Amino acid sequence: MDIDVIDAVEFESNKNLREVGSLATWSLSTYKIGYGIEQLRDDNGDTYWQSDGPQPHLINIQYNRKMNISHIALLLDYKQDESYTPNKISLRAGTSFQDLQELQLFDLEEPQGWLYIKLYDNNKPLRTHLIQIAIISNHQNGKDTHVRQVKIYTEREPLYHDKDLLPFSSLEFEMYSTIL
């Protein structure tokens, strides 16, 4: 499994990505009233999820069928959130909660802005039913956590798979070559 944190330039240069978080069922280990899933997914960097209980704090993203997941993006803001900011995150995946496997443990040093994580297995996106983001600890030994946004991405798939067909050569035709 190849898991890399990539920079914004590399992430934004990939025009072949589609956000698929809305296709999932989201759940949280705990949340403070008014700071739950809606704030985590509202496309507003000024709002956030705030946990309200013991660590680890969990974000669960479940799909009804196996999904190809190529990237995960987390918005974190140490300057505003200080001791609420995660400094150790475990990324896990599986078909259910019973078979979750840790993919990577990330140590973060005062993260500011988007953290882009690229998920590939043998040059193919991770194929899974369930992703779990576990906040193991926070900066300054903080108890509860803030995560401002989470986005889940897959690669767009071409409508055709026939290797004998010539690819489109004009922009007008190319725009119809992927599923939206």
N, C-alpha and C. Protein backbone atom coordinates (compact mmCIF):
# COMPACT_ATOMS: atom_id res chain seq x y z
N MET A 1 0.85 -1.18 0.00
CA MET A 1 0.00 0.00 0.00
C MET A 1 0.89 1.23 0.00
N ASP A 2 0.70 2.09 -0.98
CA ASP A 2 1.45 3.34 -1.07
C ASP A 2 0.59 4.48 -0.56
N ILE A 3 1.00 5.08 0.55
CA ILE A 3 0.28 6.20 1.13
C ILE A 3 1.27 7.34 1.26
N ASP A 4 0.93 8.46 0.64
CA ASP A 4 1.81 9.62 0.67
C ASP A 4 1.02 10.86 1.01
N VAL A 5 1.62 11.76 1.77
CA VAL A 5 1.08 13.10 1.93
C VAL A 5 1.64 13.91 0.78
N ILE A 6 0.75 14.52 0.02
CA ILE A 6 1.19 15.28 -1.15
C ILE A 6 0.88 16.76 -0.95
N ASP A 7 1.55 17.62 -1.71
CA ASP A 7 1.32 19.05 -1.56
C ASP A 7 0.12 19.49 -2.40
N ALA A 8 -0.33 20.71 -2.13
CA ALA A 8 -1.52 21.24 -2.79
C ALA A 8 -1.35 21.34 -4.30
N VAL A 9 -0.15 21.67 -4.76
CA VAL A 9 0.09 21.80 -6.20
C VAL A 9 -0.14 20.47 -6.90
N GLU A 10 0.42 19.39 -6.35
CA GLU A 10 0.22 18.07 -6.96
C GLU A 10 -1.24 17.66 -6.93
N PHE A 11 -1.92 17.90 -5.80
CA PHE A 11 -3.32 17.52 -5.67
C PHE A 11 -4.18 18.30 -6.67
N GLU A 12 -4.02 19.60 -6.71
CA GLU A 12 -4.86 20.45 -7.57
C GLU A 12 -4.55 20.28 -9.05
N SER A 13 -3.38 19.75 -9.38
CA SER A 13 -3.05 19.52 -10.79
C SER A 13 -3.77 18.30 -11.35
N ASN A 14 -4.31 17.45 -10.47
CA ASN A 14 -5.03 16.26 -10.92
C ASN A 14 -6.49 16.63 -11.15
N LYS A 15 -6.85 16.87 -12.39
CA LYS A 15 -8.22 17.29 -12.75
C LYS A 15 -9.15 16.10 -12.90
N ASN A 16 -8.66 14.91 -12.62
CA ASN A 16 -9.42 13.69 -12.83
C ASN A 16 -10.06 13.17 -11.54
N LEU A 17 -10.20 14.04 -10.53
CA LEU A 17 -10.74 13.61 -9.23
C LEU A 17 -12.18 14.08 -9.05
N ARG A 18 -12.93 13.28 -8.30
CA ARG A 18 -14.32 13.59 -7.99
C ARG A 18 -14.53 13.35 -6.49
N GLU A 19 -15.15 14.29 -5.80
CA GLU A 19 -15.41 14.15 -4.37
C GLU A 19 -16.62 13.24 -4.19
N VAL A 20 -16.46 12.17 -3.39
CA VAL A 20 -17.52 11.16 -3.22
C VAL A 20 -17.95 11.00 -1.76
N GLY A 21 -17.64 11.97 -0.94
CA GLY A 21 -18.05 11.89 0.46
C GLY A 21 -19.56 11.88 0.64
N SER A 22 -20.28 12.53 -0.27
CA SER A 22 -21.74 12.59 -0.16
C SER A 22 -22.40 11.24 -0.41
N LEU A 23 -21.67 10.29 -0.99
CA LEU A 23 -22.22 8.96 -1.24
C LEU A 23 -22.10 8.04 -0.03
N ALA A 24 -21.43 8.51 1.00
CA ALA A 24 -21.15 7.68 2.18
C ALA A 24 -22.11 8.00 3.33
N THR A 25 -22.14 7.09 4.29
CA THR A 25 -22.80 7.33 5.57
C THR A 25 -21.69 7.69 6.56
N TRP A 26 -21.83 8.84 7.20
CA TRP A 26 -20.81 9.34 8.11
C TRP A 26 -21.27 9.16 9.55
N SER A 27 -20.32 8.83 10.42
CA SER A 27 -20.61 8.78 11.85
C SER A 27 -19.37 9.24 12.62
N LEU A 28 -19.61 9.73 13.82
CA LEU A 28 -18.54 10.25 14.68
C LEU A 28 -18.60 9.52 16.02
N SER A 29 -17.44 9.36 16.66
CA SER A 29 -17.43 8.72 17.98
C SER A 29 -18.20 9.57 18.98
N THR A 30 -17.98 10.87 18.97
CA THR A 30 -18.70 11.83 19.82
C THR A 30 -18.69 13.17 19.11
N TYR A 31 -19.57 14.06 19.54
CA TYR A 31 -19.52 15.43 19.05
C TYR A 31 -20.25 16.34 20.02
N LYS A 32 -19.79 17.58 20.07
CA LYS A 32 -20.45 18.60 20.86
C LYS A 32 -21.64 19.10 20.03
N ILE A 33 -22.78 19.34 20.67
CA ILE A 33 -23.99 19.79 19.96
C ILE A 33 -23.65 21.04 19.14
N GLY A 34 -24.03 21.00 17.86
CA GLY A 34 -23.76 22.12 16.96
C GLY A 34 -22.41 22.06 16.28
N TYR A 35 -21.65 21.00 16.54
CA TYR A 35 -20.31 20.84 15.96
C TYR A 35 -20.11 19.41 15.49
N GLY A 36 -21.03 18.94 14.64
CA GLY A 36 -21.01 17.55 14.22
C GLY A 36 -20.69 17.34 12.75
N ILE A 37 -21.32 16.34 12.16
CA ILE A 37 -21.06 15.96 10.77
C ILE A 37 -21.41 17.10 9.82
N GLU A 38 -22.51 17.82 10.10
CA GLU A 38 -22.91 18.91 9.20
C GLU A 38 -21.79 19.93 9.05
N GLN A 39 -21.12 20.27 10.15
CA GLN A 39 -20.04 21.25 10.10
C GLN A 39 -18.79 20.67 9.44
N LEU A 40 -18.57 19.39 9.62
CA LEU A 40 -17.41 18.71 9.04
C LEU A 40 -17.51 18.65 7.52
N ARG A 41 -18.74 18.69 6.98
CA ARG A 41 -18.98 18.49 5.55
C ARG A 41 -19.59 19.70 4.86
N ASP A 42 -19.61 20.87 5.48
CA ASP A 42 -20.35 22.01 4.93
C ASP A 42 -19.55 22.91 3.97
N ASP A 43 -18.35 22.52 3.60
CA ASP A 43 -17.50 23.31 2.69
C ASP A 43 -17.15 24.69 3.25
N ASN A 44 -17.16 24.83 4.55
CA ASN A 44 -16.84 26.10 5.19
C ASN A 44 -15.66 25.88 6.14
N GLY A 45 -14.53 26.49 5.83
CA GLY A 45 -13.34 26.32 6.65
C GLY A 45 -13.41 26.99 8.01
N ASP A 46 -14.46 27.79 8.25
CA ASP A 46 -14.61 28.45 9.54
C ASP A 46 -15.39 27.61 10.55
N THR A 47 -16.02 26.53 10.08
CA THR A 47 -16.75 25.64 10.99
C THR A 47 -15.93 24.36 11.19
N TYR A 48 -16.31 23.56 12.18
CA TYR A 48 -15.52 22.36 12.48
C TYR A 48 -16.34 21.37 13.30
N TRP A 49 -15.86 20.12 13.28
CA TRP A 49 -16.36 19.09 14.19
C TRP A 49 -15.56 19.24 15.47
N GLN A 50 -16.24 19.19 16.61
CA GLN A 50 -15.56 19.15 17.90
C GLN A 50 -16.02 17.90 18.62
N SER A 51 -15.06 17.07 18.99
CA SER A 51 -15.36 15.85 19.75
C SER A 51 -15.76 16.23 21.17
N ASP A 52 -16.35 15.28 21.87
CA ASP A 52 -16.80 15.54 23.23
C ASP A 52 -16.73 14.25 24.04
N GLY A 53 -15.52 13.75 24.27
CA GLY A 53 -15.37 12.51 25.00
C GLY A 53 -13.93 12.04 24.98
N PRO A 54 -13.70 10.80 25.42
CA PRO A 54 -12.33 10.29 25.51
C PRO A 54 -11.73 9.96 24.14
N GLN A 55 -10.41 10.01 24.08
CA GLN A 55 -9.69 9.62 22.85
C GLN A 55 -9.64 8.11 22.75
N PRO A 56 -9.50 7.54 21.58
CA PRO A 56 -9.37 8.23 20.29
C PRO A 56 -10.72 8.75 19.80
N HIS A 57 -10.66 9.83 19.03
CA HIS A 57 -11.84 10.42 18.41
C HIS A 57 -11.92 9.86 16.99
N LEU A 58 -13.10 9.40 16.58
CA LEU A 58 -13.23 8.66 15.33
C LEU A 58 -14.17 9.34 14.34
N ILE A 59 -13.74 9.38 13.09
CA ILE A 59 -14.59 9.76 11.96
C ILE A 59 -14.72 8.51 11.10
N ASN A 60 -15.95 8.02 10.93
CA ASN A 60 -16.21 6.81 10.15
C ASN A 60 -16.93 7.18 8.87
N ILE A 61 -16.43 6.68 7.75
CA ILE A 61 -16.99 6.95 6.43
C ILE A 61 -17.28 5.61 5.79
N GLN A 62 -18.59 5.26 5.68
CA GLN A 62 -19.00 3.94 5.20
C GLN A 62 -19.75 4.04 3.88
N TYR A 63 -19.39 3.15 2.96
CA TYR A 63 -20.06 3.06 1.66
C TYR A 63 -20.84 1.76 1.58
N ASN A 64 -21.96 1.77 0.84
CA ASN A 64 -22.79 0.57 0.66
C ASN A 64 -22.10 -0.48 -0.20
N ARG A 65 -21.21 -0.04 -1.06
CA ARG A 65 -20.46 -0.96 -1.92
C ARG A 65 -18.99 -0.56 -1.85
N LYS A 66 -18.13 -1.45 -2.33
CA LYS A 66 -16.70 -1.11 -2.33
C LYS A 66 -16.47 0.08 -3.25
N MET A 67 -15.69 1.02 -2.77
CA MET A 67 -15.38 2.24 -3.53
C MET A 67 -13.89 2.32 -3.76
N ASN A 68 -13.51 2.87 -4.89
CA ASN A 68 -12.12 3.20 -5.16
C ASN A 68 -11.86 4.58 -4.55
N ILE A 69 -11.00 4.63 -3.56
CA ILE A 69 -10.67 5.89 -2.89
C ILE A 69 -9.22 6.22 -3.21
N SER A 70 -9.01 7.36 -3.88
CA SER A 70 -7.65 7.73 -4.29
C SER A 70 -7.02 8.77 -3.37
N HIS A 71 -7.83 9.64 -2.77
CA HIS A 71 -7.29 10.71 -1.94
C HIS A 71 -8.26 11.02 -0.79
N ILE A 72 -7.68 11.44 0.32
CA ILE A 72 -8.44 11.98 1.44
C ILE A 72 -7.82 13.34 1.75
N ALA A 73 -8.67 14.34 1.99
CA ALA A 73 -8.19 15.67 2.33
C ALA A 73 -8.78 16.08 3.68
N LEU A 74 -7.92 16.55 4.57
CA LEU A 74 -8.33 17.02 5.90
C LEU A 74 -7.94 18.48 6.04
N LEU A 75 -8.84 19.31 6.52
CA LEU A 75 -8.53 20.71 6.79
C LEU A 75 -8.31 20.87 8.29
N LEU A 76 -7.09 21.26 8.65
CA LEU A 76 -6.70 21.45 10.05
C LEU A 76 -6.13 22.85 10.21
N ASP A 77 -6.29 23.45 11.41
CA ASP A 77 -5.84 24.83 11.60
C ASP A 77 -5.26 25.02 13.00
N TYR A 78 -3.96 24.78 13.13
CA TYR A 78 -3.31 24.89 14.44
C TYR A 78 -3.39 26.31 15.00
N LYS A 79 -3.28 27.33 14.14
CA LYS A 79 -3.28 28.71 14.63
C LYS A 79 -4.58 29.06 15.35
N GLN A 80 -5.70 28.55 14.86
CA GLN A 80 -6.98 28.84 15.50
C GLN A 80 -7.34 27.83 16.58
N ASP A 81 -6.96 26.57 16.38
CA ASP A 81 -7.46 25.50 17.25
C ASP A 81 -6.48 25.06 18.34
N GLU A 82 -5.22 25.39 18.22
CA GLU A 82 -4.17 25.08 19.19
C GLU A 82 -4.28 23.68 19.78
N SER A 83 -4.63 23.54 21.05
CA SER A 83 -4.62 22.22 21.70
C SER A 83 -5.72 21.29 21.18
N TYR A 84 -6.65 21.80 20.40
CA TYR A 84 -7.68 20.97 19.79
C TYR A 84 -7.21 20.35 18.47
N THR A 85 -6.03 20.74 18.00
CA THR A 85 -5.53 20.28 16.71
C THR A 85 -4.89 18.90 16.83
N PRO A 86 -5.28 17.96 15.97
CA PRO A 86 -4.66 16.62 16.01
C PRO A 86 -3.15 16.68 15.74
N ASN A 87 -2.39 15.85 16.47
CA ASN A 87 -0.98 15.71 16.14
C ASN A 87 -0.61 14.27 15.81
N LYS A 88 -1.54 13.34 16.08
CA LYS A 88 -1.32 11.94 15.69
C LYS A 88 -2.64 11.39 15.17
N ILE A 89 -2.63 10.97 13.88
CA ILE A 89 -3.84 10.45 13.22
C ILE A 89 -3.54 9.07 12.66
N SER A 90 -4.46 8.14 12.92
CA SER A 90 -4.37 6.80 12.34
C SER A 90 -5.42 6.69 11.24
N LEU A 91 -4.98 6.30 10.06
CA LEU A 91 -5.89 6.09 8.93
C LEU A 91 -6.11 4.60 8.79
N ARG A 92 -7.39 4.18 8.83
CA ARG A 92 -7.74 2.76 8.80
C ARG A 92 -8.75 2.49 7.70
N ALA A 93 -8.78 1.24 7.21
CA ALA A 93 -9.75 0.85 6.18
C ALA A 93 -10.11 -0.61 6.35
N GLY A 94 -11.30 -0.98 5.85
CA GLY A 94 -11.75 -2.36 5.91
C GLY A 94 -13.12 -2.52 5.29
N THR A 95 -13.65 -3.73 5.36
CA THR A 95 -15.00 -3.96 4.85
C THR A 95 -16.05 -3.72 5.93
N SER A 96 -15.63 -3.76 7.20
CA SER A 96 -16.52 -3.49 8.33
C SER A 96 -15.67 -3.04 9.52
N PHE A 97 -16.33 -2.70 10.61
CA PHE A 97 -15.60 -2.30 11.82
C PHE A 97 -14.79 -3.45 12.41
N GLN A 98 -15.20 -4.69 12.13
CA GLN A 98 -14.52 -5.85 12.70
C GLN A 98 -13.18 -6.16 12.03
N ASP A 99 -12.96 -5.71 10.80
CA ASP A 99 -11.70 -6.05 10.12
C ASP A 99 -10.88 -4.83 9.71
N LEU A 100 -11.07 -3.72 10.41
CA LEU A 100 -10.29 -2.52 10.10
C LEU A 100 -8.80 -2.79 10.25
N GLN A 101 -8.02 -2.31 9.30
CA GLN A 101 -6.56 -2.41 9.34
C GLN A 101 -5.98 -1.00 9.28
N GLU A 102 -4.97 -0.75 10.10
CA GLU A 102 -4.31 0.55 10.03
C GLU A 102 -3.48 0.62 8.76
N LEU A 103 -3.71 1.66 7.98
CA LEU A 103 -2.94 1.88 6.76
C LEU A 103 -1.70 2.71 7.03
N GLN A 104 -1.85 3.71 7.90
CA GLN A 104 -0.73 4.62 8.17
C GLN A 104 -1.01 5.39 9.45
N LEU A 105 0.05 5.69 10.18
CA LEU A 105 -0.01 6.55 11.35
C LEU A 105 0.73 7.82 11.00
N PHE A 106 0.07 8.96 11.13
CA PHE A 106 0.66 10.25 10.77
C PHE A 106 0.96 11.05 12.02
N ASP A 107 2.19 11.56 12.11
CA ASP A 107 2.57 12.51 13.15
C ASP A 107 2.58 13.89 12.51
N LEU A 108 1.79 14.81 13.04
CA LEU A 108 1.64 16.14 12.46
C LEU A 108 2.26 17.19 13.36
N GLU A 109 2.94 18.13 12.77
CA GLU A 109 3.59 19.21 13.50
C GLU A 109 2.90 20.53 13.17
N GLU A 110 2.00 20.97 14.05
CA GLU A 110 1.26 22.22 13.90
C GLU A 110 0.70 22.39 12.48
N PRO A 111 -0.19 21.49 12.04
CA PRO A 111 -0.72 21.55 10.67
C PRO A 111 -1.55 22.80 10.43
N GLN A 112 -1.38 23.36 9.25
CA GLN A 112 -2.08 24.59 8.88
C GLN A 112 -2.58 24.44 7.45
N GLY A 113 -3.88 24.30 7.27
CA GLY A 113 -4.45 24.17 5.93
C GLY A 113 -4.79 22.72 5.59
N TRP A 114 -4.90 22.46 4.29
CA TRP A 114 -5.31 21.13 3.82
C TRP A 114 -4.16 20.14 3.89
N LEU A 115 -4.46 18.95 4.38
CA LEU A 115 -3.54 17.82 4.38
C LEU A 115 -4.09 16.84 3.35
N TYR A 116 -3.35 16.62 2.26
CA TYR A 116 -3.80 15.74 1.18
C TYR A 116 -3.09 14.40 1.28
N ILE A 117 -3.86 13.32 1.37
CA ILE A 117 -3.31 11.98 1.51
C ILE A 117 -3.68 11.18 0.27
N LYS A 118 -2.66 10.64 -0.39
CA LYS A 118 -2.85 9.85 -1.61
C LYS A 118 -2.82 8.37 -1.24
N LEU A 119 -3.85 7.62 -1.65
CA LEU A 119 -4.01 6.21 -1.27
C LEU A 119 -3.98 5.31 -2.50
N TYR A 120 -2.90 4.59 -2.69
CA TYR A 120 -2.81 3.69 -3.83
C TYR A 120 -2.25 2.35 -3.39
N ASP A 121 -2.73 1.28 -4.02
CA ASP A 121 -2.26 -0.08 -3.80
C ASP A 121 -1.91 -0.66 -5.16
N ASN A 122 -0.62 -0.90 -5.41
CA ASN A 122 -0.16 -1.38 -6.73
C ASN A 122 -0.63 -0.46 -7.85
N ASN A 123 -0.44 0.83 -7.67
CA ASN A 123 -0.80 1.86 -8.66
C ASN A 123 -2.30 1.96 -8.93
N LYS A 124 -3.13 1.43 -8.04
CA LYS A 124 -4.58 1.54 -8.16
C LYS A 124 -5.12 2.14 -6.86
N PRO A 125 -6.19 2.92 -6.94
CA PRO A 125 -6.77 3.49 -5.72
C PRO A 125 -7.20 2.40 -4.74
N LEU A 126 -7.18 2.74 -3.45
CA LEU A 126 -7.63 1.83 -2.40
C LEU A 126 -9.09 1.47 -2.65
N ARG A 127 -9.41 0.19 -2.57
CA ARG A 127 -10.79 -0.29 -2.77
C ARG A 127 -11.32 -0.76 -1.41
N THR A 128 -12.35 -0.07 -0.89
CA THR A 128 -12.81 -0.35 0.47
C THR A 128 -14.27 0.04 0.67
N HIS A 129 -14.88 -0.53 1.71
CA HIS A 129 -16.22 -0.16 2.15
C HIS A 129 -16.18 0.92 3.22
N LEU A 130 -15.13 0.90 4.04
CA LEU A 130 -15.09 1.71 5.26
C LEU A 130 -13.73 2.36 5.43
N ILE A 131 -13.76 3.65 5.72
CA ILE A 131 -12.55 4.39 6.08
C ILE A 131 -12.78 4.94 7.48
N GLN A 132 -11.77 4.82 8.32
CA GLN A 132 -11.85 5.40 9.66
C GLN A 132 -10.64 6.29 9.86
N ILE A 133 -10.92 7.52 10.27
CA ILE A 133 -9.87 8.47 10.64
C ILE A 133 -9.91 8.56 12.15
N ALA A 134 -8.85 8.10 12.80
CA ALA A 134 -8.80 8.08 14.27
C ALA A 134 -7.81 9.14 14.75
N ILE A 135 -8.31 10.07 15.55
CA ILE A 135 -7.45 11.09 16.17
C ILE A 135 -6.94 10.48 17.47
N ILE A 136 -5.66 10.12 17.46
CA ILE A 136 -5.05 9.43 18.60
C ILE A 136 -4.67 10.42 19.70
N SER A 137 -4.12 11.57 19.31
CA SER A 137 -3.75 12.59 20.29
C SER A 137 -3.74 13.96 19.62
N ASN A 138 -3.76 14.99 20.48
CA ASN A 138 -3.76 16.38 20.02
C ASN A 138 -2.50 17.10 20.47
N HIS A 139 -2.27 18.25 19.89
CA HIS A 139 -1.17 19.10 20.33
C HIS A 139 -1.41 19.52 21.79
N GLN A 140 -0.35 19.77 22.51
CA GLN A 140 -0.39 20.24 23.90
C GLN A 140 -1.24 19.32 24.79
N ASN A 141 -1.31 18.04 24.44
CA ASN A 141 -2.10 17.06 25.20
C ASN A 141 -3.57 17.43 25.34
N GLY A 142 -4.11 18.11 24.33
CA GLY A 142 -5.52 18.49 24.35
C GLY A 142 -6.43 17.27 24.40
N LYS A 143 -7.60 17.42 25.04
CA LYS A 143 -8.53 16.30 25.21
C LYS A 143 -9.43 16.15 23.98
N ASP A 144 -10.20 17.17 23.65
CA ASP A 144 -11.10 17.12 22.51
C ASP A 144 -10.39 17.65 21.27
N THR A 145 -11.00 17.40 20.10
CA THR A 145 -10.32 17.74 18.85
C THR A 145 -11.21 18.58 17.95
N HIS A 146 -10.58 19.32 17.05
CA HIS A 146 -11.27 20.04 15.98
C HIS A 146 -10.73 19.53 14.64
N VAL A 147 -11.63 19.17 13.74
CA VAL A 147 -11.29 18.91 12.34
C VAL A 147 -12.26 19.76 11.54
N ARG A 148 -11.73 20.61 10.68
CA ARG A 148 -12.56 21.60 9.99
C ARG A 148 -13.30 21.05 8.78
N GLN A 149 -12.68 20.21 8.00
CA GLN A 149 -13.32 19.61 6.83
C GLN A 149 -12.66 18.27 6.52
N VAL A 150 -13.43 17.35 5.94
CA VAL A 150 -12.90 16.09 5.41
C VAL A 150 -13.53 15.88 4.04
N LYS A 151 -12.69 15.58 3.06
CA LYS A 151 -13.14 15.29 1.69
C LYS A 151 -12.57 13.94 1.27
N ILE A 152 -13.37 13.17 0.54
CA ILE A 152 -12.98 11.86 0.05
C ILE A 152 -13.07 11.90 -1.48
N TYR A 153 -12.00 11.46 -2.15
CA TYR A 153 -11.95 11.56 -3.61
C TYR A 153 -11.72 10.21 -4.27
N THR A 154 -12.27 10.08 -5.48
CA THR A 154 -12.01 8.95 -6.35
C THR A 154 -11.61 9.51 -7.71
N GLU A 155 -11.03 8.66 -8.53
CA GLU A 155 -10.69 9.08 -9.89
C GLU A 155 -11.90 8.85 -10.79
N ARG A 156 -12.12 9.78 -11.69
CA ARG A 156 -13.17 9.60 -12.69
C ARG A 156 -12.77 8.46 -13.60
N GLU A 157 -13.75 7.65 -13.99
CA GLU A 157 -13.47 6.52 -14.87
C GLU A 157 -13.95 6.83 -16.28
N PRO A 158 -13.16 6.47 -17.29
CA PRO A 158 -13.61 6.71 -18.67
C PRO A 158 -14.84 5.88 -18.98
N LEU A 159 -15.67 6.40 -19.88
CA LEU A 159 -16.87 5.67 -20.29
C LEU A 159 -16.53 4.45 -21.14
N TYR A 160 -15.38 4.47 -21.77
CA TYR A 160 -14.99 3.34 -22.61
C TYR A 160 -13.73 2.71 -22.04
N HIS A 161 -13.58 1.41 -22.25
CA HIS A 161 -12.40 0.69 -21.77
C HIS A 161 -11.73 -0.07 -22.90
N ASP A 162 -12.17 0.13 -24.10
CA ASP A 162 -11.63 -0.58 -25.25
C ASP A 162 -10.29 0.05 -25.64
N LYS A 163 -9.22 -0.70 -25.50
CA LYS A 163 -7.88 -0.19 -25.79
C LYS A 163 -7.66 0.04 -27.29
N ASP A 164 -8.52 -0.57 -28.12
CA ASP A 164 -8.36 -0.41 -29.57
C ASP A 164 -8.94 0.90 -30.09
N LEU A 165 -9.79 1.55 -29.28
CA LEU A 165 -10.38 2.81 -29.72
C LEU A 165 -9.36 3.93 -29.59
N LEU A 166 -9.40 4.84 -30.52
CA LEU A 166 -8.53 6.01 -30.44
C LEU A 166 -9.09 6.98 -29.41
N PRO A 167 -8.24 7.63 -28.65
CA PRO A 167 -8.73 8.61 -27.68
C PRO A 167 -9.25 9.85 -28.39
N PHE A 168 -10.13 10.58 -27.71
CA PHE A 168 -10.63 11.82 -28.29
C PHE A 168 -9.50 12.81 -28.43
N SER A 169 -9.54 13.59 -29.50
CA SER A 169 -8.46 14.55 -29.74
C SER A 169 -8.91 15.99 -29.58
N SER A 170 -10.20 16.23 -29.44
CA SER A 170 -10.67 17.60 -29.26
C SER A 170 -11.31 17.76 -27.89
N LEU A 171 -11.26 18.97 -27.37
CA LEU A 171 -11.83 19.27 -26.07
C LEU A 171 -13.33 19.01 -26.05
N GLU A 172 -14.01 19.31 -27.15
CA GLU A 172 -15.46 19.12 -27.23
C GLU A 172 -15.85 17.66 -27.01
N PHE A 173 -15.10 16.73 -27.59
CA PHE A 173 -15.40 15.32 -27.42
C PHE A 173 -14.86 14.76 -26.10
N GLU A 174 -13.71 15.25 -25.67
CA GLU A 174 -13.08 14.76 -24.44
C GLU A 174 -13.97 15.02 -23.22
N MET A 175 -14.73 16.10 -23.23
CA MET A 175 -15.57 16.43 -22.08
C MET A 175 -16.65 15.38 -21.82
N TYR A 176 -16.94 14.51 -22.79
CA TYR A 176 -17.93 13.45 -22.61
C TYR A 176 -17.29 12.08 -22.35
N SER A 177 -16.01 12.05 -22.07
CA SER A 177 -15.31 10.77 -21.95
C SER A 177 -15.28 10.21 -20.53
N THR A 178 -15.81 10.93 -19.55
CA THR A 178 -15.81 10.43 -18.18
C THR A 178 -17.20 10.54 -17.58
N ILE A 179 -17.42 9.75 -16.55
CA ILE A 179 -18.68 9.79 -15.81
C ILE A 179 -18.59 10.93 -14.81
N LEU A 180 -19.60 11.74 -14.74
CA LEU A 180 -19.60 12.87 -13.81
C LEU A 180 -20.22 12.54 -12.50
